[in-house]
Amino acid sequence: MRAKAEKTRRGPVIVVRPAPGKRSRALVQLGPVTVPAAIGRSGRTGFKREGDGATPIAAMPVLHGFVRGDRVRALPTALPMRRIRPDMLWCDQPEHPSYNRLVKAPFKPSHEEMTREDGLYDVCLVLDWNISSRKRHRGSAIFFHLIRPGYQPTAGCVAVKLRDMQRVLRFIRKGTVVKVL
């Protein structure tokens, strides 16, 4: 018997469950497809704070995505995807007015570079954590992105292999929910 995909009005829900054995590992499930994933180095939390290294336990709609067009091509998705430019940064400085927003270089306050050399953001989906309703110090740059080798922990995101991201991307559109249990 095939597992049915959990659905909302906006389509299928991507469920992120803790994996046994290591708090920074998870399983990402979309209908009958289950793939391994990395999550925050501190595991999961119901009370997310900036810099805690935890993945928020929440249902987070996917807002849009970014792609390194010089490294990844032809993504099968209805999700709005924006090509990453070298001047794209993401502000993670809680006191700054652009906290948890895309900003443009040069930018002195604390930030994430979207054109990472390690390839984590070659495909990067922006989850609506602390974006639509922002609060200082509640966490920033919570993305669904690519993994480091060996499923090393993230700083609070959900990460999968490129081939697994390509498998689930075809079912994702704006508003698809990523539900971390």
Protein backbone atom coordinates (compact mmCIF):
# COMPACT_ATOMS: atom_id res chain seq x y z
CA MET A 1 0.00 0.00 0.00
CA ARG A 2 1.46 3.38 -1.02
CA ALA A 3 1.69 6.20 1.51
CA LYS A 4 -0.51 9.17 0.72
CA ALA A 5 0.96 12.65 0.68
CA GLU A 6 -0.28 15.03 3.36
CA LYS A 7 -1.89 17.99 1.60
CA THR A 8 -3.02 21.52 2.29
CA ARG A 9 -4.95 23.95 0.12
CA ARG A 10 -1.58 24.89 -1.39
CA GLY A 11 -0.57 21.39 -2.36
CA PRO A 12 1.50 18.63 -0.78
CA VAL A 13 3.23 19.09 2.57
CA ILE A 14 6.90 18.23 2.92
CA VAL A 15 7.27 16.56 6.32
CA VAL A 16 10.63 16.72 8.12
CA ARG A 17 10.91 14.09 10.88
CA PRO A 18 13.84 13.52 13.21
CA ALA A 19 15.99 10.55 12.22
CA PRO A 20 16.99 8.10 14.94
CA GLY A 21 20.46 8.34 16.42
CA LYS A 22 21.63 11.88 15.79
CA ARG A 23 19.75 15.09 16.58
CA SER A 24 21.15 16.85 13.49
CA ARG A 25 19.74 14.24 11.09
CA ALA A 26 16.23 14.04 9.69
CA LEU A 27 14.06 12.36 7.10
CA VAL A 28 12.24 14.47 4.51
CA GLN A 29 9.04 12.92 3.23
CA LEU A 30 6.85 13.95 0.34
CA GLY A 31 4.18 11.32 -0.25
CA PRO A 32 5.87 7.95 -0.81
CA VAL A 33 9.30 9.56 -1.30
CA THR A 34 11.53 9.71 1.80
CA VAL A 35 15.09 11.07 1.66
CA PRO A 36 17.75 11.65 4.33
CA ALA A 37 18.49 15.21 5.41
CA ALA A 38 20.61 17.31 7.71
CA ILE A 39 19.08 19.80 10.14
CA GLY A 40 20.49 22.18 12.75
CA ARG A 41 23.52 21.21 14.83
CA SER A 42 21.34 21.65 17.95
CA GLY A 43 18.50 19.55 16.52
CA ARG A 44 14.99 21.00 16.58
CA THR A 45 13.39 23.62 18.81
CA GLY A 46 9.97 25.09 19.54
CA PHE A 47 11.63 28.36 20.62
CA LYS A 48 13.99 29.45 17.85
CA ARG A 49 16.60 32.13 18.65
CA GLU A 50 19.21 33.73 16.38
CA GLY A 51 22.44 31.72 16.43
CA ASP A 52 21.12 28.74 18.45
CA GLY A 53 21.88 26.27 15.64
CA ALA A 54 18.43 24.70 15.88
CA THR A 55 15.82 24.04 13.21
CA PRO A 56 12.43 25.50 14.17
CA ILE A 57 9.57 23.08 14.81
CA ALA A 58 7.00 24.75 12.59
CA ALA A 59 4.95 24.61 9.40
CA MET A 60 6.76 27.01 7.06
CA PRO A 61 5.43 27.88 3.60
CA VAL A 62 7.99 28.05 0.78
CA LEU A 63 8.10 31.64 -0.48
CA HIS A 64 10.51 31.41 -3.44
CA GLY A 65 13.90 30.03 -4.33
CA PHE A 66 17.38 30.91 -5.49
CA VAL A 67 19.62 29.00 -7.87
CA ARG A 68 23.28 29.29 -8.86
CA GLY A 69 22.68 29.25 -12.60
CA ASP A 70 26.40 28.85 -13.26
CA ARG A 71 26.34 25.52 -11.35
CA VAL A 72 22.78 24.12 -11.62
CA ARG A 73 20.58 24.14 -14.69
CA ALA A 74 17.03 23.18 -15.70
CA LEU A 75 15.26 22.78 -12.39
CA PRO A 76 11.84 21.17 -12.82
CA THR A 77 9.63 23.39 -10.64
CA ALA A 78 6.68 25.79 -10.68
CA LEU A 79 8.28 27.65 -7.76
CA PRO A 80 9.52 31.16 -8.58
CA MET A 81 13.32 30.81 -8.73
CA ARG A 82 15.76 33.71 -8.90
CA ARG A 83 19.28 33.41 -10.24
CA ILE A 84 21.86 34.25 -7.56
CA ARG A 85 24.16 37.18 -8.31
CA PRO A 86 27.50 37.82 -6.56
CA ASP A 87 26.12 40.93 -4.83
CA MET A 88 23.26 39.03 -3.11
CA LEU A 89 23.52 38.71 0.66
CA TRP A 90 21.04 37.78 3.43
CA CYS A 91 21.05 40.00 6.54
CA ASP A 92 21.28 38.08 9.84
CA GLN A 93 21.97 41.08 12.10
CA PRO A 94 18.92 41.25 14.46
CA GLU A 95 19.26 44.98 15.15
CA HIS A 96 19.38 45.97 11.48
CA PRO A 97 16.19 47.14 9.67
CA SER A 98 16.88 44.56 6.91
CA TYR A 99 17.10 41.66 9.38
CA ASN A 100 16.14 38.38 7.70
CA ARG A 101 15.94 39.98 4.26
CA LEU A 102 17.86 39.81 1.01
CA VAL A 103 20.31 42.73 0.81
CA LYS A 104 22.84 43.91 -1.73
CA ALA A 105 26.63 44.15 -1.34
CA PRO A 106 28.43 46.10 -0.13
CA PHE A 107 26.76 45.54 3.26
CA LYS A 108 28.71 45.80 6.51
CA PRO A 109 26.30 44.30 9.11
CA SER A 110 26.37 40.52 9.66
CA HIS A 111 25.08 38.57 6.65
CA GLU A 112 25.15 35.30 4.70
CA GLU A 113 26.64 35.26 1.20
CA MET A 114 24.26 33.67 -1.29
CA THR A 115 27.09 32.77 -3.69
CA ARG A 116 28.74 30.32 -1.32
CA GLU A 117 31.84 28.49 -2.46
CA ASP A 118 30.72 25.30 -0.66
CA GLY A 119 27.62 25.02 -2.88
CA LEU A 120 25.04 24.88 -0.06
CA TYR A 121 22.92 27.56 -1.71
CA ASP A 122 23.30 26.34 -5.29
CA VAL A 123 19.59 25.54 -4.82
CA CYS A 124 18.11 27.43 -1.88
CA LEU A 125 14.41 27.66 -1.03
CA VAL A 126 13.33 30.46 1.30
CA LEU A 127 11.02 29.23 4.07
CA ASP A 128 8.64 31.66 5.74
CA TRP A 129 10.28 31.58 9.13
CA ASN A 130 10.32 35.04 10.73
CA ILE A 131 9.83 36.76 7.36
CA SER A 132 6.12 37.60 6.95
CA SER A 133 5.94 38.50 10.63
CA ARG A 134 9.48 39.44 11.71
CA LYS A 135 10.70 39.61 15.29
CA ARG A 136 14.25 40.49 16.30
CA HIS A 137 16.43 37.56 17.43
CA ARG A 138 13.86 34.90 16.35
CA GLY A 139 16.16 33.45 13.70
CA SER A 140 17.06 34.28 10.13
CA ALA A 141 18.01 32.60 6.87
CA ILE A 142 15.99 29.43 7.52
CA PHE A 143 16.28 27.77 4.14
CA PHE A 144 15.74 24.38 2.50
CA HIS A 145 19.08 23.94 0.71
CA LEU A 146 21.78 21.47 -0.30
CA ILE A 147 23.88 19.42 2.13
CA ARG A 148 27.52 19.42 3.07
CA PRO A 149 29.32 16.10 2.48
CA GLY A 150 28.44 13.48 5.09
CA TYR A 151 25.20 15.21 6.09
CA GLN A 152 27.02 17.65 8.35
CA PRO A 153 24.62 19.72 10.49
CA THR A 154 23.23 23.04 9.31
CA ALA A 155 22.94 26.28 11.28
CA GLY A 156 19.15 25.71 11.53
CA CYS A 157 18.06 24.89 7.98
CA VAL A 158 16.93 21.66 6.30
CA ALA A 159 19.39 20.29 3.74
CA VAL A 160 19.31 17.43 1.21
CA LYS A 161 21.42 16.11 -1.67
CA LEU A 162 21.04 17.83 -5.06
CA ARG A 163 19.42 14.79 -6.68
CA ASP A 164 16.89 14.59 -3.82
CA MET A 165 16.17 18.32 -4.10
CA GLN A 166 15.54 17.82 -7.83
CA ARG A 167 13.11 14.97 -7.01
CA VAL A 168 10.99 17.06 -4.64
CA LEU A 169 11.25 20.39 -6.52
CA ARG A 170 8.90 19.20 -9.23
CA PHE A 171 6.08 19.10 -6.62
CA ILE A 172 6.90 22.41 -4.92
CA ARG A 173 5.28 25.73 -5.68
CA LYS A 174 4.86 28.96 -3.76
CA GLY A 175 3.02 28.17 -0.53
CA THR A 176 3.99 24.48 -0.34
CA VAL A 177 4.51 23.84 3.37
CA VAL A 178 7.67 22.40 4.92
CA LYS A 179 6.49 20.98 8.25
CA VAL A 180 9.23 20.23 10.78
CA LEU A 181 7.96 17.84 13.47
